[in-house]
């Protein structure tokens, strides 16, 4: 392995904004209720640079960097709430309160086997070593996110089967991204990985219109935004099977924190299945002005950056179904 400088490409830790709560009004006017939801998740971002492929088998030769993008995944969520015909708490306008939890994950990876003179390459996380390793390599990206929070809503009728719900929602979110690359040959094997964990604490304000087109079908929506504080920690390691002292051995850590803006939009069709049961097919998008991720070195001979936590904006799209069920009445 030869000592060189490195470049970088971002590993974006994209948070998954999954409310897991009813859009529009609750399935009951007075009482407790619960919701279950799930569906398809698309992340716009969240890609990494992985191993390299040298077309000539030389560290200084033309090299193609591979990229993995964890864009496709799934999400699921659950919530429980209480609704009342009047204010739940004296002095406050809210007639609904909900607690929710959501989870999502997405994965991506690729593996390559090349024939001579081409060879797989990999660079250490501090950029000090670039090695032509062998003829096989693989890269994987794993993203996990969970969110919990509360929602306080005030429902106001607008006439002709229409209503507006005004919602305040404090939330806490945790995201974890793991990226790893392995390059192997008949003699040596090299590894590198990145771990980025982010905590977010914020609050959003939203308005949710609901219009009943018939007695059993309604159009619902959601539009809102808010602020959040984030705190991210990243760790980066690399090593190889080369004899000691290992030229590929390196360990780095980095962190980032700050404020960001979160915006959300959604639309859905709500179908009334029973007096206190609805099923909603929906599409929702969330935007985050600042998300923390990792910057991993590329495998080029002439570039120059080490691994670090990086900031970028990001958004996601979710499409799925949400089942809401009334559980019982509450004495006022």
Protein backbone atom coordinates (compact mmCIF):
# COMPACT_ATOMS: atom_id res chain seq x y z
CA UNK A 1 0.00 0.00 0.00
CA UNK A 2 1.25 3.49 -0.82
CA UNK A 3 0.83 6.70 1.14
CA UNK A 4 -1.26 9.39 -0.61
CA UNK A 5 -3.70 12.22 0.15
CA UNK A 6 -7.44 11.75 -0.13
CA UNK A 7 -10.65 13.39 -1.31
CA UNK A 8 -14.14 13.09 0.10
CA UNK A 9 -17.71 12.36 -0.86
CA UNK A 10 -20.56 12.83 1.61
CA UNK A 11 -22.37 10.09 3.48
CA UNK A 12 -25.59 11.93 4.25
CA UNK A 13 -27.49 10.84 7.34
CA UNK A 14 -30.97 11.65 6.27
CA UNK A 15 -33.54 11.73 9.00
CA UNK A 16 -36.91 10.09 8.40
CA UNK A 17 -39.81 12.30 9.28
CA UNK A 18 -42.67 9.94 10.04
CA UNK A 19 -45.52 11.43 12.09
CA UNK A 20 -47.50 8.15 12.51
CA UNK A 21 -50.60 10.19 13.36
CA UNK A 22 -54.00 10.91 11.86
CA UNK A 23 -54.13 13.56 9.13
CA UNK A 24 -57.15 15.79 9.67
CA UNK A 25 -59.69 15.00 12.40
CA UNK A 26 -59.71 11.94 14.65
CA UNK A 27 -62.07 9.00 13.98
CA UNK A 28 -64.03 9.94 17.14
CA UNK A 29 -65.24 13.31 18.44
CA UNK A 30 -64.96 12.19 22.06
CA UNK A 31 -62.87 9.29 23.33
CA UNK A 32 -59.61 7.49 22.80
CA UNK A 33 -58.25 6.23 19.50
CA UNK A 34 -55.16 4.65 17.95
CA UNK A 35 -53.52 4.63 14.52
CA UNK A 36 -51.28 2.19 12.68
CA UNK A 37 -49.44 3.05 9.47
CA UNK A 38 -46.78 1.77 7.10
CA UNK A 39 -45.56 1.92 3.55
CA UNK A 40 -42.80 2.80 1.11
CA UNK A 41 -40.01 5.27 1.88
CA UNK A 42 -37.86 7.21 -0.62
CA UNK A 43 -34.81 9.19 0.52
CA UNK A 44 -33.40 11.92 -1.68
CA UNK A 45 -29.73 11.71 -0.64
CA UNK A 46 -28.05 9.33 1.76
CA UNK A 47 -25.32 8.10 -0.61
CA UNK A 48 -21.71 7.12 0.08
CA UNK A 49 -18.54 6.61 -1.86
CA UNK A 50 -17.33 3.06 -1.37
CA UNK A 51 -14.46 1.08 -2.86
CA UNK A 52 -12.67 2.01 -6.06
CA UNK A 53 -11.89 0.10 -9.24
CA UNK A 54 -8.56 0.92 -10.91
CA UNK A 55 -8.82 0.12 -14.61
CA UNK A 56 -5.03 -0.33 -14.87
CA UNK A 57 -4.41 -1.96 -11.49
CA UNK A 58 -2.24 1.00 -10.41
CA UNK A 59 -2.90 3.44 -7.55
CA UNK A 60 -2.16 6.40 -9.84
CA UNK A 61 -4.14 4.96 -12.74
CA UNK A 62 -7.72 5.87 -13.77
CA UNK A 63 -10.03 4.88 -10.90
CA UNK A 64 -13.81 4.63 -10.76
CA UNK A 65 -15.36 5.22 -7.33
CA UNK A 66 -18.43 3.13 -6.51
CA UNK A 67 -21.45 4.70 -4.81
CA UNK A 68 -24.23 3.18 -2.68
CA UNK A 69 -27.51 5.05 -2.06
CA UNK A 70 -30.00 3.88 0.57
CA UNK A 71 -32.94 5.57 -1.15
CA UNK A 72 -35.52 2.79 -1.04
CA UNK A 73 -36.91 1.50 2.24
CA UNK A 74 -39.97 1.16 4.44
CA UNK A 75 -41.55 2.84 7.44
CA UNK A 76 -44.05 1.97 10.18
CA UNK A 77 -45.65 3.90 13.01
CA UNK A 78 -48.16 3.81 15.84
CA UNK A 79 -49.94 6.46 17.89
CA UNK A 80 -52.58 6.79 20.60
CA UNK A 81 -54.73 9.81 21.31
CA UNK A 82 -57.65 11.31 23.14
CA UNK A 83 -60.31 13.65 21.73
CA UNK A 84 -62.94 15.78 23.44
CA UNK A 85 -65.77 18.01 22.19
CA UNK A 86 -64.25 20.88 24.18
CA UNK A 87 -60.87 21.87 25.56
CA UNK A 88 -58.87 19.09 27.20
CA UNK A 89 -57.21 21.55 29.59
CA UNK A 90 -58.74 24.75 30.92
CA UNK A 91 -57.11 27.79 29.36
CA UNK A 92 -55.78 25.94 26.31
CA UNK A 93 -57.64 25.54 23.00
CA UNK A 94 -56.56 21.97 22.23
CA UNK A 95 -59.32 19.36 22.04
CA UNK A 96 -57.00 16.49 21.00
CA UNK A 97 -53.70 15.12 22.32
CA UNK A 98 -51.65 12.31 20.78
CA UNK A 99 -48.41 10.45 21.48
CA UNK A 100 -46.64 8.71 18.60
CA UNK A 101 -43.62 6.58 17.73
CA UNK A 102 -42.28 5.78 14.27
CA UNK A 103 -39.46 3.73 12.79
CA UNK A 104 -37.91 3.41 9.36
CA UNK A 105 -34.99 1.76 7.65
CA UNK A 106 -33.33 1.58 4.26
CA UNK A 107 -30.32 -0.32 2.97
CA UNK A 108 -28.22 -0.48 -0.16
CA UNK A 109 -25.06 -2.23 -1.25
CA UNK A 110 -23.01 -3.43 -4.17
CA UNK A 111 -20.29 -6.00 -4.77
CA UNK A 112 -17.73 -6.14 -7.59
CA UNK A 113 -15.37 -8.76 -8.96
CA UNK A 114 -12.88 -7.57 -11.57
CA UNK A 115 -10.38 -9.26 -13.88
CA UNK A 116 -6.80 -8.17 -14.50
CA UNK A 117 -5.31 -5.77 -15.14
CA UNK A 118 -8.15 -4.02 -13.27
CA UNK A 119 -8.05 -4.18 -9.45
CA UNK A 120 -10.13 -3.04 -6.49
CA UNK A 121 -8.80 -0.19 -4.36
CA UNK A 122 -9.58 1.38 -1.00
CA UNK A 123 -8.30 4.38 0.95
CA UNK A 124 -7.89 4.69 4.72
CA UNK A 125 -10.29 6.98 6.60
CA UNK A 126 -7.55 9.53 7.29
CA UNK A 127 -6.46 9.58 3.65
CA UNK A 128 -2.89 8.50 4.37
CA UNK A 129 -2.97 5.14 2.56
CA UNK A 130 -4.38 4.12 -0.81
CA UNK A 131 -4.06 0.45 -1.65
CA UNK A 132 -4.52 -1.72 -4.72
CA UNK A 133 -5.96 -4.68 -2.82
CA UNK A 134 -7.23 -7.38 -5.18
CA UNK A 135 -10.07 -8.42 -7.42
CA UNK A 136 -13.15 -8.30 -5.13
CA UNK A 137 -14.80 -5.55 -3.08
CA UNK A 138 -18.14 -4.65 -1.54
CA UNK A 139 -19.80 -1.58 -0.03
CA UNK A 140 -22.93 -1.32 2.13
CA UNK A 141 -25.01 1.48 3.60
CA UNK A 142 -27.52 0.92 6.41
CA UNK A 143 -29.82 3.69 7.67
CA UNK A 144 -32.07 3.46 10.74
CA UNK A 145 -34.27 6.21 12.18
CA UNK A 146 -36.80 6.49 14.98
CA UNK A 147 -38.94 9.39 16.18
CA UNK A 148 -41.24 10.00 19.11
CA UNK A 149 -43.33 12.99 20.01
CA UNK A 150 -46.59 14.58 21.06
CA UNK A 151 -49.27 16.35 19.04
CA UNK A 152 -51.77 18.88 20.40
CA UNK A 153 -54.59 19.74 18.01
CA UNK A 154 -57.45 22.21 17.84
CA UNK A 155 -60.21 21.23 15.40
CA UNK A 156 -62.37 23.95 13.86
CA UNK A 157 -65.33 23.32 11.55
CA UNK A 158 -65.47 25.35 8.33
CA UNK A 159 -68.93 24.36 7.06
CA UNK A 160 -70.10 22.13 4.19
CA UNK A 161 -68.30 19.09 5.60
CA UNK A 162 -64.95 20.91 5.88
CA UNK A 163 -62.72 21.47 8.89
CA UNK A 164 -59.26 22.74 9.81
CA UNK A 165 -57.01 21.22 12.47
CA UNK A 166 -54.25 23.39 13.95
CA UNK A 167 -51.43 21.26 15.39
CA UNK A 168 -48.42 21.87 17.65
CA UNK A 169 -45.98 18.94 17.75
CA UNK A 170 -42.76 18.69 19.82
CA UNK A 171 -40.59 15.76 18.72
CA UNK A 172 -37.34 13.88 19.41
CA UNK A 173 -35.57 11.94 16.65
CA UNK A 174 -32.59 9.59 16.52
CA UNK A 175 -30.86 8.48 13.32
CA UNK A 176 -28.01 6.00 12.88
CA UNK A 177 -26.05 5.46 9.67
CA UNK A 178 -23.50 2.69 9.19
CA UNK A 179 -21.34 2.47 6.07
CA UNK A 180 -18.70 -0.16 5.40
CA UNK A 181 -16.39 -1.11 2.53
CA UNK A 182 -14.19 -4.21 2.14
CA UNK A 183 -11.64 -4.88 -0.60
CA UNK A 184 -9.94 -8.30 -0.83
CA UNK A 185 -7.22 -10.05 -2.78
CA UNK A 186 -5.14 -13.20 -2.55
CA UNK A 187 -2.74 -11.55 -0.08
CA UNK A 188 -4.37 -8.57 1.68
CA UNK A 189 -7.82 -7.41 2.78
CA UNK A 190 -8.69 -3.82 3.73
CA UNK A 191 -11.71 -2.53 5.67
CA UNK A 192 -13.15 0.88 6.48
CA UNK A 193 -16.40 1.98 8.10
CA UNK A 194 -18.28 5.04 9.29
CA UNK A 195 -20.83 5.41 12.10
CA UNK A 196 -22.90 8.60 12.39
CA UNK A 197 -25.53 9.12 15.09
CA UNK A 198 -27.72 12.22 15.27
CA UNK A 199 -30.21 13.44 17.87
CA UNK A 200 -32.78 16.08 16.96
CA UNK A 201 -35.07 18.06 19.28
CA UNK A 202 -37.69 20.31 17.76
CA UNK A 203 -41.25 21.53 17.39
CA UNK A 204 -43.47 22.02 14.34
CA UNK A 205 -46.69 23.93 13.65
CA UNK A 206 -49.10 22.59 11.04
CA UNK A 207 -52.56 23.07 9.58
CA UNK A 208 -54.52 20.04 8.37
CA UNK A 209 -57.61 20.62 6.19
CA UNK A 210 -60.27 17.94 5.80
CA UNK A 211 -63.13 18.05 3.27
CA UNK A 212 -65.75 15.30 3.06
CA UNK A 213 -66.64 14.74 -0.59
CA UNK A 214 -69.30 12.14 0.26
CA UNK A 215 -70.54 10.56 3.49
CA UNK A 216 -67.68 8.07 3.38
CA UNK A 217 -64.83 9.72 1.42
CA UNK A 218 -62.79 12.78 2.44
CA UNK A 219 -59.79 14.68 1.07
CA UNK A 220 -57.20 15.51 3.75
CA UNK A 221 -53.94 17.44 3.76
CA UNK A 222 -51.08 18.69 5.92
CA UNK A 223 -48.79 21.72 5.62
CA UNK A 224 -46.42 22.99 8.26
CA UNK A 225 -42.94 23.79 9.44
CA UNK A 226 -40.79 24.32 12.49
CA UNK A 227 -37.32 24.45 13.99
CA UNK A 228 -35.06 21.82 15.54
CA UNK A 229 -31.69 21.53 17.25
CA UNK A 230 -29.39 18.69 16.20
CA UNK A 231 -26.31 17.09 17.75
CA UNK A 232 -24.31 14.60 15.67
CA UNK A 233 -21.36 12.35 16.51
CA UNK A 234 -19.32 10.48 13.91
CA UNK A 235 -16.60 7.83 14.15
CA UNK A 236 -14.48 6.46 11.31
CA UNK A 237 -12.11 3.44 11.33
CA UNK A 238 -9.97 1.56 8.84
CA UNK A 239 -7.50 -1.34 9.02
CA UNK A 240 -6.05 -4.11 6.88
CA UNK A 241 -4.45 -7.54 7.06
CA UNK A 242 -1.05 -6.11 6.12
CA UNK A 243 1.86 -6.93 8.48
CA UNK A 244 2.38 -4.64 11.48
CA UNK A 245 2.67 -1.69 11.47
CA UNK A 246 -0.57 -1.62 9.47
CA UNK A 247 -0.37 1.33 7.02
CA UNK A 248 -4.17 1.32 6.77
CA UNK A 249 -4.86 1.57 10.52
CA UNK A 250 -6.62 4.84 11.40
CA UNK A 251 -9.41 6.06 13.67
CA UNK A 252 -11.05 9.49 13.58
CA UNK A 253 -14.01 11.15 15.28
CA UNK A 254 -15.92 14.35 14.58
CA UNK A 255 -19.11 16.13 15.64
CA UNK A 256 -21.49 18.87 14.55
CA UNK A 257 -24.46 20.70 16.03
CA UNK A 258 -26.77 23.55 15.16
CA UNK A 259 -30.29 24.66 14.24
CA UNK A 260 -32.36 23.61 11.24
CA UNK A 261 -35.74 24.16 9.60
CA UNK A 262 -38.21 21.35 8.97
CA UNK A 263 -41.07 21.62 6.48
CA UNK A 264 -43.79 19.09 5.76
CA UNK A 265 -46.50 18.61 3.12
CA UNK A 266 -49.04 15.82 2.77
CA UNK A 267 -52.22 14.80 0.99
CA UNK A 268 -54.50 11.80 1.35
CA UNK A 269 -57.85 10.17 0.69
CA UNK A 270 -59.69 9.13 3.87
CA UNK A 271 -62.35 6.41 3.69
CA UNK A 272 -64.82 5.84 6.50
CA UNK A 273 -65.01 2.10 7.15
CA UNK A 274 -67.27 2.32 10.21
CA UNK A 275 -68.58 4.90 12.69
CA UNK A 276 -65.19 5.08 14.48
CA UNK A 277 -62.80 3.60 11.91
CA UNK A 278 -61.08 5.21 8.91
CA UNK A 279 -58.48 4.11 6.37
CA UNK A 280 -56.30 6.76 4.70
CA UNK A 281 -54.07 6.36 1.67
CA UNK A 282 -51.51 9.16 1.78
CA UNK A 283 -48.34 10.70 0.36
CA UNK A 284 -46.19 12.95 2.55
CA UNK A 285 -42.90 14.79 2.04
CA UNK A 286 -40.55 16.27 4.64
CA UNK A 287 -37.69 18.72 4.11
CA UNK A 288 -34.77 19.31 6.50
CA UNK A 289 -32.49 22.31 5.94
CA UNK A 290 -29.60 20.73 7.87
CA UNK A 291 -28.89 17.04 8.37
CA UNK A 292 -25.64 15.57 9.62
CA UNK A 293 -23.75 12.78 7.94
CA UNK A 294 -20.24 11.61 7.25
CA UNK A 295 -17.73 12.55 4.57
CA UNK A 296 -15.67 9.51 3.49
CA UNK A 297 -12.48 9.69 1.39
CA UNK A 298 -12.64 8.79 -2.29
CA UNK A 299 -10.09 6.45 -3.87
CA UNK A 300 -8.35 8.92 -6.17
CA UNK A 301 -4.56 9.35 -6.13
CA UNK A 302 -4.60 13.16 -6.32
CA UNK A 303 -7.35 14.25 -3.87
CA UNK A 304 -6.91 15.60 -0.34
CA UNK A 305 -9.48 15.41 2.53
CA UNK A 306 -9.95 13.21 5.59
CA UNK A 307 -13.20 11.76 6.97
CA UNK A 308 -15.46 14.16 8.87
CA UNK A 309 -19.06 14.91 9.82
CA UNK A 310 -20.70 16.93 7.03
CA UNK A 311 -23.91 18.97 6.86
CA UNK A 312 -26.39 19.06 3.99
CA UNK A 313 -30.11 19.55 3.37
CA UNK A 314 -32.37 16.60 2.56
CA UNK A 315 -35.95 15.47 1.99
CA UNK A 316 -37.95 12.29 1.91
CA UNK A 317 -41.20 10.99 0.43
CA UNK A 318 -43.50 8.45 2.08
CA UNK A 319 -46.50 6.73 0.54
CA UNK A 320 -48.63 4.30 2.51
CA UNK A 321 -51.85 3.59 4.38
CA UNK A 322 -53.01 4.61 7.85
CA UNK A 323 -55.71 2.84 9.86
CA UNK A 324 -57.40 4.84 12.65
CA UNK A 325 -59.67 3.15 15.19
CA UNK A 326 -61.77 4.59 18.01
CA UNK A 327 -61.20 2.68 21.25
CA UNK A 328 -63.71 4.07 23.74
CA UNK A 329 -65.53 7.09 25.13
CA UNK A 330 -64.22 9.43 27.81
CA UNK A 331 -66.27 11.14 30.50
CA UNK A 332 -66.10 14.92 30.32
